[in-house]
Amino acid sequence: MKVLHHAAWLLLTIILQTMIFNYINIFGVHADLFIVAVTAIALLCGNIQGMLCGLVFGLVYDFLIGRLVGTNMLSFAVIGYICGAIGGRYYSAPPFYVFMGIGAAATAAAEIVYMIPYTAGLEIHIPFLYMLKNIVIEAVMNGVLTVPALWCIRRTIKLFGIQNINTFR
């Protein structure tokens, strides 16, 4: 049932990202729902599910953008594992700004990891302030989107009737 739940969120993320969020720009930067979904699933379901969802969501995202296939897959997997480990440390629900900070940090880490091979391997020189502006704006947008994503994923877990969310069975 969890695989079906995560597959439904992958499909919903693809639809929302390609049809809506790619066209909503703030200073030329748009939100990345794939890393938001991976972060939210990892925070709610644990590090193993976060890592596996990061692998799958990152691979799909790499195929959608069509550049450097595998880079986002690996970075999303690591971020999913780390966010799941952080989410497993809380025994009660932390305040919303903790989730926003985790979502922003995950986005910044994913963008920095993606920029390293993109700029080094292709001999493209991107001005540092331009790159920093894009990373900061996207991190803030994704940090804000993490809170509603957590709420929606928590509700769909209850809707699917998933009892033990930390195991993959």
N, C-alpha and C. Protein backbone atom coordinates (compact mmCIF):
# COMPACT_ATOMS: atom_id res chain seq x y z
N MET A 1 0.81 -1.19 0.00
CA MET A 1 0.00 0.00 0.00
C MET A 1 0.86 1.26 0.00
N LYS A 2 2.03 1.18 0.67
CA LYS A 2 2.91 2.35 0.71
C LYS A 2 3.50 2.64 -0.66
N VAL A 3 3.79 1.58 -1.41
CA VAL A 3 4.32 1.78 -2.76
C VAL A 3 3.29 2.48 -3.63
N LEU A 4 2.03 2.09 -3.47
CA LEU A 4 0.96 2.74 -4.22
C LEU A 4 0.82 4.21 -3.80
N HIS A 5 0.94 4.47 -2.51
CA HIS A 5 0.87 5.84 -2.00
C HIS A 5 1.99 6.70 -2.58
N HIS A 6 3.22 6.19 -2.53
CA HIS A 6 4.35 6.95 -3.04
C HIS A 6 4.29 7.12 -4.56
N ALA A 7 3.78 6.10 -5.25
CA ALA A 7 3.61 6.21 -6.71
C ALA A 7 2.56 7.27 -7.06
N ALA A 8 1.50 7.34 -6.27
CA ALA A 8 0.48 8.37 -6.49
C ALA A 8 1.09 9.75 -6.28
N TRP A 9 1.93 9.90 -5.29
CA TRP A 9 2.57 11.20 -5.05
C TRP A 9 3.58 11.53 -6.15
N LEU A 10 4.25 10.52 -6.69
CA LEU A 10 5.15 10.76 -7.82
C LEU A 10 4.36 11.26 -9.02
N LEU A 11 3.25 10.62 -9.31
CA LEU A 11 2.42 11.04 -10.44
C LEU A 11 1.86 12.44 -10.23
N LEU A 12 1.38 12.72 -9.02
CA LEU A 12 0.87 14.05 -8.71
C LEU A 12 1.96 15.12 -8.80
N THR A 13 3.15 14.77 -8.36
CA THR A 13 4.28 15.71 -8.44
C THR A 13 4.64 16.00 -9.89
N ILE A 14 4.66 14.98 -10.72
CA ILE A 14 4.96 15.19 -12.14
C ILE A 14 3.93 16.12 -12.77
N ILE A 15 2.67 15.86 -12.50
CA ILE A 15 1.60 16.67 -13.09
C ILE A 15 1.68 18.12 -12.61
N LEU A 16 1.80 18.31 -11.30
CA LEU A 16 1.84 19.67 -10.76
C LEU A 16 3.09 20.43 -11.21
N GLN A 17 4.24 19.75 -11.25
CA GLN A 17 5.48 20.42 -11.64
C GLN A 17 5.45 20.85 -13.10
N THR A 18 5.01 19.94 -13.97
CA THR A 18 5.07 20.26 -15.40
C THR A 18 3.95 21.17 -15.86
N MET A 19 2.80 21.10 -15.21
CA MET A 19 1.67 21.90 -15.69
C MET A 19 1.47 23.22 -14.96
N ILE A 20 1.93 23.31 -13.73
CA ILE A 20 1.67 24.53 -12.96
C ILE A 20 2.96 25.21 -12.50
N PHE A 21 3.78 24.50 -11.75
CA PHE A 21 4.89 25.14 -11.06
C PHE A 21 6.06 25.53 -11.98
N ASN A 22 6.16 24.95 -13.15
CA ASN A 22 7.19 25.39 -14.09
C ASN A 22 6.87 26.78 -14.66
N TYR A 23 5.62 27.20 -14.55
CA TYR A 23 5.21 28.48 -15.10
C TYR A 23 5.05 29.57 -14.05
N ILE A 24 5.18 29.23 -12.79
CA ILE A 24 5.13 30.22 -11.71
C ILE A 24 6.57 30.57 -11.35
N ASN A 25 7.00 31.74 -11.78
CA ASN A 25 8.38 32.17 -11.54
C ASN A 25 8.42 33.35 -10.59
N ILE A 26 9.38 33.32 -9.71
CA ILE A 26 9.69 34.46 -8.85
C ILE A 26 11.14 34.82 -9.14
N PHE A 27 11.36 35.98 -9.74
CA PHE A 27 12.68 36.43 -10.17
C PHE A 27 13.35 35.40 -11.09
N GLY A 28 12.56 34.74 -11.92
CA GLY A 28 13.09 33.78 -12.87
C GLY A 28 13.37 32.40 -12.31
N VAL A 29 12.98 32.14 -11.09
CA VAL A 29 13.23 30.86 -10.44
C VAL A 29 11.88 30.22 -10.10
N HIS A 30 11.75 28.92 -10.36
CA HIS A 30 10.50 28.24 -10.00
C HIS A 30 10.77 27.18 -8.94
N ALA A 31 9.73 26.82 -8.22
CA ALA A 31 9.84 25.84 -7.15
C ALA A 31 10.06 24.44 -7.73
N ASP A 32 10.67 23.59 -6.93
CA ASP A 32 10.97 22.21 -7.32
C ASP A 32 10.17 21.28 -6.42
N LEU A 33 9.04 20.80 -6.91
CA LEU A 33 8.18 19.95 -6.09
C LEU A 33 8.76 18.57 -5.85
N PHE A 34 9.70 18.14 -6.68
CA PHE A 34 10.27 16.82 -6.49
C PHE A 34 11.06 16.74 -5.18
N ILE A 35 11.90 17.73 -4.92
CA ILE A 35 12.66 17.71 -3.67
C ILE A 35 11.75 17.97 -2.48
N VAL A 36 10.69 18.75 -2.67
CA VAL A 36 9.72 18.97 -1.60
C VAL A 36 9.02 17.66 -1.24
N ALA A 37 8.60 16.90 -2.24
CA ALA A 37 7.92 15.62 -1.99
C ALA A 37 8.86 14.62 -1.33
N VAL A 38 10.09 14.55 -1.79
CA VAL A 38 11.06 13.63 -1.18
C VAL A 38 11.31 14.01 0.27
N THR A 39 11.48 15.29 0.53
CA THR A 39 11.72 15.75 1.90
C THR A 39 10.53 15.44 2.80
N ALA A 40 9.33 15.70 2.32
CA ALA A 40 8.13 15.46 3.14
C ALA A 40 7.92 13.97 3.39
N ILE A 41 8.08 13.15 2.38
CA ILE A 41 7.93 11.70 2.57
C ILE A 41 8.99 11.19 3.52
N ALA A 42 10.22 11.66 3.39
CA ALA A 42 11.29 11.21 4.27
C ALA A 42 11.04 11.63 5.72
N LEU A 43 10.57 12.85 5.92
CA LEU A 43 10.29 13.31 7.28
C LEU A 43 9.18 12.51 7.95
N LEU A 44 8.20 12.08 7.16
CA LEU A 44 7.07 11.34 7.72
C LEU A 44 7.30 9.84 7.78
N CYS A 45 8.01 9.28 6.82
CA CYS A 45 8.09 7.82 6.69
C CYS A 45 9.44 7.22 7.05
N GLY A 46 10.44 8.01 7.32
CA GLY A 46 11.73 7.46 7.74
C GLY A 46 12.79 7.50 6.65
N ASN A 47 14.00 7.09 7.06
CA ASN A 47 15.15 7.27 6.18
C ASN A 47 15.19 6.27 5.01
N ILE A 48 14.75 5.04 5.20
CA ILE A 48 14.81 4.08 4.10
C ILE A 48 13.82 4.44 3.00
N GLN A 49 12.59 4.76 3.39
CA GLN A 49 11.60 5.18 2.39
C GLN A 49 11.99 6.51 1.76
N GLY A 50 12.59 7.40 2.55
CA GLY A 50 13.07 8.66 2.00
C GLY A 50 14.16 8.45 0.96
N MET A 51 15.07 7.53 1.25
CA MET A 51 16.14 7.24 0.31
C MET A 51 15.59 6.60 -0.97
N LEU A 52 14.70 5.62 -0.83
CA LEU A 52 14.15 4.97 -2.01
C LEU A 52 13.29 5.92 -2.84
N CYS A 53 12.50 6.75 -2.17
CA CYS A 53 11.72 7.75 -2.91
C CYS A 53 12.65 8.77 -3.56
N GLY A 54 13.73 9.11 -2.89
CA GLY A 54 14.71 10.03 -3.48
C GLY A 54 15.33 9.46 -4.73
N LEU A 55 15.65 8.17 -4.72
CA LEU A 55 16.20 7.53 -5.92
C LEU A 55 15.21 7.59 -7.08
N VAL A 56 13.98 7.21 -6.82
CA VAL A 56 12.97 7.15 -7.89
C VAL A 56 12.58 8.55 -8.35
N PHE A 57 12.26 9.44 -7.40
CA PHE A 57 11.86 10.80 -7.77
C PHE A 57 13.00 11.52 -8.48
N GLY A 58 14.24 11.33 -8.02
CA GLY A 58 15.38 11.97 -8.66
C GLY A 58 15.62 11.47 -10.07
N LEU A 59 15.45 10.16 -10.27
CA LEU A 59 15.62 9.61 -11.62
C LEU A 59 14.55 10.13 -12.57
N VAL A 60 13.32 10.18 -12.10
CA VAL A 60 12.24 10.72 -12.94
C VAL A 60 12.49 12.19 -13.24
N TYR A 61 12.94 12.93 -12.24
CA TYR A 61 13.23 14.36 -12.44
C TYR A 61 14.39 14.54 -13.42
N ASP A 62 15.39 13.69 -13.33
CA ASP A 62 16.50 13.76 -14.29
C ASP A 62 16.02 13.50 -15.71
N PHE A 63 15.12 12.55 -15.90
CA PHE A 63 14.59 12.30 -17.23
C PHE A 63 13.70 13.44 -17.71
N LEU A 64 13.00 14.11 -16.79
CA LEU A 64 12.15 15.23 -17.20
C LEU A 64 12.97 16.43 -17.65
N ILE A 65 14.05 16.74 -16.93
CA ILE A 65 14.85 17.91 -17.32
C ILE A 65 15.85 17.56 -18.41
N GLY A 66 16.24 16.29 -18.52
CA GLY A 66 17.04 15.84 -19.64
C GLY A 66 18.52 16.17 -19.60
N ARG A 67 19.04 16.53 -18.44
CA ARG A 67 20.47 16.82 -18.35
C ARG A 67 21.08 16.06 -17.19
N LEU A 68 22.28 15.56 -17.39
CA LEU A 68 23.05 14.90 -16.34
C LEU A 68 22.22 13.87 -15.58
N VAL A 69 21.78 12.85 -16.28
CA VAL A 69 20.94 11.82 -15.68
C VAL A 69 21.73 11.10 -14.59
N GLY A 70 21.16 11.07 -13.40
CA GLY A 70 21.77 10.41 -12.25
C GLY A 70 22.23 11.36 -11.17
N THR A 71 22.44 12.62 -11.52
CA THR A 71 22.91 13.58 -10.52
C THR A 71 21.84 13.85 -9.48
N ASN A 72 20.65 14.19 -9.91
CA ASN A 72 19.57 14.42 -8.96
C ASN A 72 19.15 13.14 -8.26
N MET A 73 19.26 12.02 -8.94
CA MET A 73 18.90 10.76 -8.33
C MET A 73 19.76 10.50 -7.09
N LEU A 74 21.05 10.69 -7.22
CA LEU A 74 21.94 10.45 -6.08
C LEU A 74 21.78 11.50 -4.99
N SER A 75 21.66 12.76 -5.38
CA SER A 75 21.52 13.80 -4.36
C SER A 75 20.18 13.71 -3.64
N PHE A 76 19.11 13.37 -4.37
CA PHE A 76 17.80 13.21 -3.72
C PHE A 76 17.80 12.01 -2.79
N ALA A 77 18.52 10.95 -3.15
CA ALA A 77 18.59 9.77 -2.28
C ALA A 77 19.30 10.10 -0.97
N VAL A 78 20.41 10.81 -1.07
CA VAL A 78 21.14 11.20 0.15
C VAL A 78 20.30 12.15 0.99
N ILE A 79 19.66 13.11 0.35
CA ILE A 79 18.83 14.07 1.08
C ILE A 79 17.63 13.36 1.71
N GLY A 80 17.03 12.41 1.01
CA GLY A 80 15.92 11.65 1.58
C GLY A 80 16.35 10.85 2.80
N TYR A 81 17.54 10.26 2.74
CA TYR A 81 18.03 9.51 3.89
C TYR A 81 18.31 10.42 5.08
N ILE A 82 18.96 11.55 4.82
CA ILE A 82 19.29 12.48 5.91
C ILE A 82 18.02 13.09 6.51
N CYS A 83 17.07 13.50 5.67
CA CYS A 83 15.81 14.06 6.19
C CYS A 83 15.02 13.02 6.97
N GLY A 84 15.05 11.78 6.52
CA GLY A 84 14.38 10.71 7.27
C GLY A 84 15.03 10.47 8.61
N ALA A 85 16.35 10.54 8.66
CA ALA A 85 17.05 10.38 9.93
C ALA A 85 16.74 11.54 10.87
N ILE A 86 16.65 12.75 10.33
CA ILE A 86 16.31 13.91 11.15
C ILE A 86 14.87 13.80 11.64
N GLY A 87 13.96 13.41 10.76
CA GLY A 87 12.56 13.27 11.14
C GLY A 87 12.34 12.18 12.17
N GLY A 88 13.18 11.15 12.16
CA GLY A 88 13.06 10.09 13.15
C GLY A 88 13.53 10.48 14.53
N ARG A 89 14.22 11.58 14.65
CA ARG A 89 14.72 12.04 15.95
C ARG A 89 13.65 12.72 16.79
N TYR A 90 12.59 13.18 16.14
CA TYR A 90 11.55 13.90 16.86
C TYR A 90 10.49 12.93 17.38
N TYR A 91 10.21 13.01 18.65
CA TYR A 91 9.17 12.16 19.24
C TYR A 91 7.81 12.83 19.17
N SER A 92 7.79 14.12 19.14
CA SER A 92 6.55 14.85 18.95
C SER A 92 6.72 15.76 17.73
N ALA A 93 5.65 16.36 17.30
CA ALA A 93 5.70 17.21 16.12
C ALA A 93 6.41 18.52 16.45
N PRO A 94 7.49 18.83 15.74
CA PRO A 94 8.17 20.11 15.98
C PRO A 94 7.38 21.26 15.36
N PRO A 95 7.75 22.49 15.68
CA PRO A 95 7.06 23.63 15.07
C PRO A 95 7.26 23.65 13.55
N PHE A 96 6.38 24.37 12.87
CA PHE A 96 6.40 24.38 11.41
C PHE A 96 7.69 24.96 10.85
N TYR A 97 8.32 25.90 11.55
CA TYR A 97 9.52 26.52 11.01
C TYR A 97 10.71 25.55 10.98
N VAL A 98 10.67 24.50 11.77
CA VAL A 98 11.71 23.47 11.69
C VAL A 98 11.58 22.73 10.36
N PHE A 99 10.36 22.38 9.99
CA PHE A 99 10.14 21.73 8.70
C PHE A 99 10.50 22.65 7.55
N MET A 100 10.20 23.94 7.68
CA MET A 100 10.56 24.89 6.63
C MET A 100 12.08 24.97 6.48
N GLY A 101 12.78 24.99 7.59
CA GLY A 101 14.24 25.03 7.54
C GLY A 101 14.84 23.77 6.94
N ILE A 102 14.27 22.62 7.28
CA ILE A 102 14.75 21.37 6.70
C ILE A 102 14.50 21.35 5.19
N GLY A 103 13.32 21.79 4.76
CA GLY A 103 13.02 21.85 3.33
C GLY A 103 13.93 22.81 2.58
N ALA A 104 14.22 23.96 3.18
CA ALA A 104 15.12 24.92 2.54
C ALA A 104 16.54 24.39 2.48
N ALA A 105 17.00 23.76 3.55
CA ALA A 105 18.36 23.20 3.56
C ALA A 105 18.49 22.05 2.56
N ALA A 106 17.46 21.22 2.45
CA ALA A 106 17.49 20.13 1.48
C ALA A 106 17.55 20.66 0.05
N THR A 107 16.80 21.72 -0.22
CA THR A 107 16.81 22.31 -1.56
C THR A 107 18.17 22.93 -1.87
N ALA A 108 18.72 23.66 -0.92
CA ALA A 108 20.03 24.28 -1.14
C ALA A 108 21.10 23.22 -1.37
N ALA A 109 21.05 22.13 -0.61
CA ALA A 109 22.03 21.05 -0.79
C ALA A 109 21.88 20.39 -2.16
N ALA A 110 20.64 20.15 -2.57
CA ALA A 110 20.42 19.53 -3.88
C ALA A 110 20.89 20.43 -5.02
N GLU A 111 20.65 21.73 -4.91
CA GLU A 111 21.07 22.65 -5.96
C GLU A 111 22.60 22.78 -6.01
N ILE A 112 23.23 22.81 -4.88
CA ILE A 112 24.69 22.90 -4.86
C ILE A 112 25.31 21.64 -5.45
N VAL A 113 24.79 20.48 -5.08
CA VAL A 113 25.30 19.22 -5.63
C VAL A 113 25.07 19.17 -7.13
N TYR A 114 23.93 19.68 -7.60
CA TYR A 114 23.64 19.67 -9.03
C TYR A 114 24.54 20.64 -9.79
N MET A 115 24.88 21.77 -9.19
CA MET A 115 25.70 22.76 -9.88
C MET A 115 27.15 22.33 -10.04
N ILE A 116 27.65 21.50 -9.17
CA ILE A 116 29.06 21.12 -9.23
C ILE A 116 29.40 20.40 -10.53
N PRO A 117 28.75 19.27 -10.87
CA PRO A 117 29.12 18.64 -12.15
C PRO A 117 28.64 19.43 -13.36
N TYR A 118 27.57 20.19 -13.20
CA TYR A 118 27.04 20.96 -14.33
C TYR A 118 28.02 22.04 -14.74
N THR A 119 28.63 22.73 -13.79
CA THR A 119 29.57 23.79 -14.13
C THR A 119 30.96 23.26 -14.39
N ALA A 120 31.38 22.21 -13.70
CA ALA A 120 32.74 21.70 -13.87
C ALA A 120 32.87 20.86 -15.14
N GLY A 121 31.91 19.99 -15.39
CA GLY A 121 32.03 19.08 -16.52
C GLY A 121 31.75 19.73 -17.86
N LEU A 122 30.91 20.73 -17.88
CA LEU A 122 30.53 21.34 -19.15
C LEU A 122 31.28 22.63 -19.44
N GLU A 123 32.21 22.98 -18.55
CA GLU A 123 33.02 24.19 -18.74
C GLU A 123 32.16 25.44 -18.87
N ILE A 124 31.08 25.50 -18.13
CA ILE A 124 30.20 26.67 -18.13
C ILE A 124 30.50 27.47 -16.88
N HIS A 125 30.70 28.75 -17.05
CA HIS A 125 30.99 29.60 -15.92
C HIS A 125 29.75 30.43 -15.59
N ILE A 126 29.18 30.16 -14.43
CA ILE A 126 28.00 30.88 -13.97
C ILE A 126 28.47 31.85 -12.89
N PRO A 127 28.09 33.11 -12.99
CA PRO A 127 28.49 34.05 -11.94
C PRO A 127 28.00 33.59 -10.57
N PHE A 128 28.85 33.78 -9.56
CA PHE A 128 28.56 33.28 -8.22
C PHE A 128 27.30 33.91 -7.63
N LEU A 129 27.14 35.22 -7.79
CA LEU A 129 25.97 35.89 -7.21
C LEU A 129 24.67 35.45 -7.89
N TYR A 130 24.73 35.19 -9.19
CA TYR A 130 23.56 34.70 -9.90
C TYR A 130 23.17 33.31 -9.38
N MET A 131 24.16 32.45 -9.20
CA MET A 131 23.91 31.11 -8.69
C MET A 131 23.39 31.18 -7.25
N LEU A 132 23.96 32.06 -6.44
CA LEU A 132 23.53 32.20 -5.06
C LEU A 132 22.09 32.72 -4.98
N LYS A 133 21.76 33.67 -5.85
CA LYS A 133 20.40 34.21 -5.89
C LYS A 133 19.40 33.10 -6.22
N ASN A 134 19.71 32.28 -7.21
CA ASN A 134 18.81 31.20 -7.60
C ASN A 134 18.64 30.18 -6.48
N ILE A 135 19.74 29.84 -5.83
CA ILE A 135 19.68 28.85 -4.76
C ILE A 135 18.87 29.38 -3.58
N VAL A 136 19.09 30.63 -3.20
CA VAL A 136 18.39 31.19 -2.05
C VAL A 136 16.90 31.32 -2.33
N ILE A 137 16.53 31.81 -3.50
CA ILE A 137 15.11 31.98 -3.83
C ILE A 137 14.41 30.63 -3.90
N GLU A 138 15.04 29.65 -4.53
CA GLU A 138 14.41 28.33 -4.62
C GLU A 138 14.33 27.66 -3.24
N ALA A 139 15.34 27.86 -2.41
CA ALA A 139 15.31 27.28 -1.07
C ALA A 139 14.19 27.88 -0.23
N VAL A 140 13.98 29.17 -0.35
CA VAL A 140 12.89 29.81 0.40
C VAL A 140 11.53 29.31 -0.11
N MET A 141 11.36 29.25 -1.42
CA MET A 141 10.08 28.78 -1.98
C MET A 141 9.80 27.34 -1.56
N ASN A 142 10.80 26.47 -1.68
CA ASN A 142 10.59 25.08 -1.31
C ASN A 142 10.42 24.90 0.19
N GLY A 143 11.09 25.73 0.99
CA GLY A 143 10.90 25.67 2.43
C GLY A 143 9.47 25.99 2.81
N VAL A 144 8.90 26.99 2.15
CA VAL A 144 7.50 27.35 2.41
C VAL A 144 6.57 26.24 1.93
N LEU A 145 6.87 25.61 0.80
CA LEU A 145 6.02 24.56 0.26
C LEU A 145 6.11 23.25 1.03
N THR A 146 7.13 23.09 1.86
CA THR A 146 7.29 21.85 2.61
C THR A 146 6.17 21.66 3.62
N VAL A 147 5.72 22.73 4.25
CA VAL A 147 4.67 22.61 5.28
C VAL A 147 3.35 22.12 4.69
N PRO A 148 2.82 22.71 3.60
CA PRO A 148 1.58 22.14 3.04
C PRO A 148 1.79 20.74 2.46
N ALA A 149 3.00 20.46 1.96
CA ALA A 149 3.25 19.11 1.44
C ALA A 149 3.21 18.08 2.57
N LEU A 150 3.76 18.43 3.72
CA LEU A 150 3.69 17.52 4.87
C LEU A 150 2.24 17.28 5.29
N TRP A 151 1.46 18.34 5.31
CA TRP A 151 0.06 18.20 5.69
C TRP A 151 -0.69 17.29 4.71
N CYS A 152 -0.47 17.51 3.41
CA CYS A 152 -1.16 16.71 2.40
C CYS A 152 -0.73 15.25 2.44
N ILE A 153 0.57 15.01 2.59
CA ILE A 153 1.05 13.62 2.63
C ILE A 153 0.57 12.93 3.90
N ARG A 154 0.54 13.63 5.02
CA ARG A 154 0.01 13.05 6.26
C ARG A 154 -1.46 12.67 6.08
N ARG A 155 -2.23 13.51 5.39
CA ARG A 155 -3.66 13.21 5.18
C ARG A 155 -3.84 12.03 4.22
N THR A 156 -3.01 11.95 3.19
CA THR A 156 -3.16 10.83 2.25
C THR A 156 -2.70 9.51 2.87
N ILE A 157 -1.77 9.57 3.81
CA ILE A 157 -1.38 8.35 4.53
C ILE A 157 -2.58 7.82 5.31
N LYS A 158 -3.30 8.72 5.96
CA LYS A 158 -4.52 8.30 6.68
C LYS A 158 -5.60 7.83 5.70
N LEU A 159 -5.69 8.49 4.54
CA LEU A 159 -6.68 8.12 3.54
C LEU A 159 -6.41 6.73 2.98
N PHE A 160 -5.15 6.39 2.77
CA PHE A 160 -4.77 5.08 2.26
C PHE A 160 -4.86 4.01 3.35
N GLY A 161 -5.02 4.41 4.60
CA GLY A 161 -5.13 3.47 5.70
C GLY A 161 -3.81 2.82 6.08
N ILE A 162 -2.72 3.52 5.91
CA ILE A 162 -1.40 2.99 6.24
C ILE A 162 -1.21 3.12 7.75
N GLN A 163 -0.94 2.00 8.40
CA GLN A 163 -0.83 1.98 9.85
C GLN A 163 0.58 2.33 10.32
N ASN A 164 1.55 1.51 9.95
CA ASN A 164 2.93 1.71 10.39
C ASN A 164 3.70 2.34 9.26
N ILE A 165 3.96 3.63 9.34
CA ILE A 165 4.57 4.34 8.22
C ILE A 165 6.07 4.21 8.17
N ASN A 166 6.72 3.73 9.23
CA ASN A 166 8.18 3.68 9.24
C ASN A 166 8.76 2.42 8.63
N THR A 167 7.97 1.40 8.39
CA THR A 167 8.46 0.21 7.70
C THR A 167 7.98 0.24 6.26
N PHE A 168 8.65 -0.48 5.41
CA PHE A 168 8.30 -0.43 3.99
C PHE A 168 7.33 -1.54 3.59
N ARG A 169 6.85 -2.32 4.55
CA ARG A 169 5.90 -3.38 4.22
C ARG A 169 4.49 -2.87 4.18
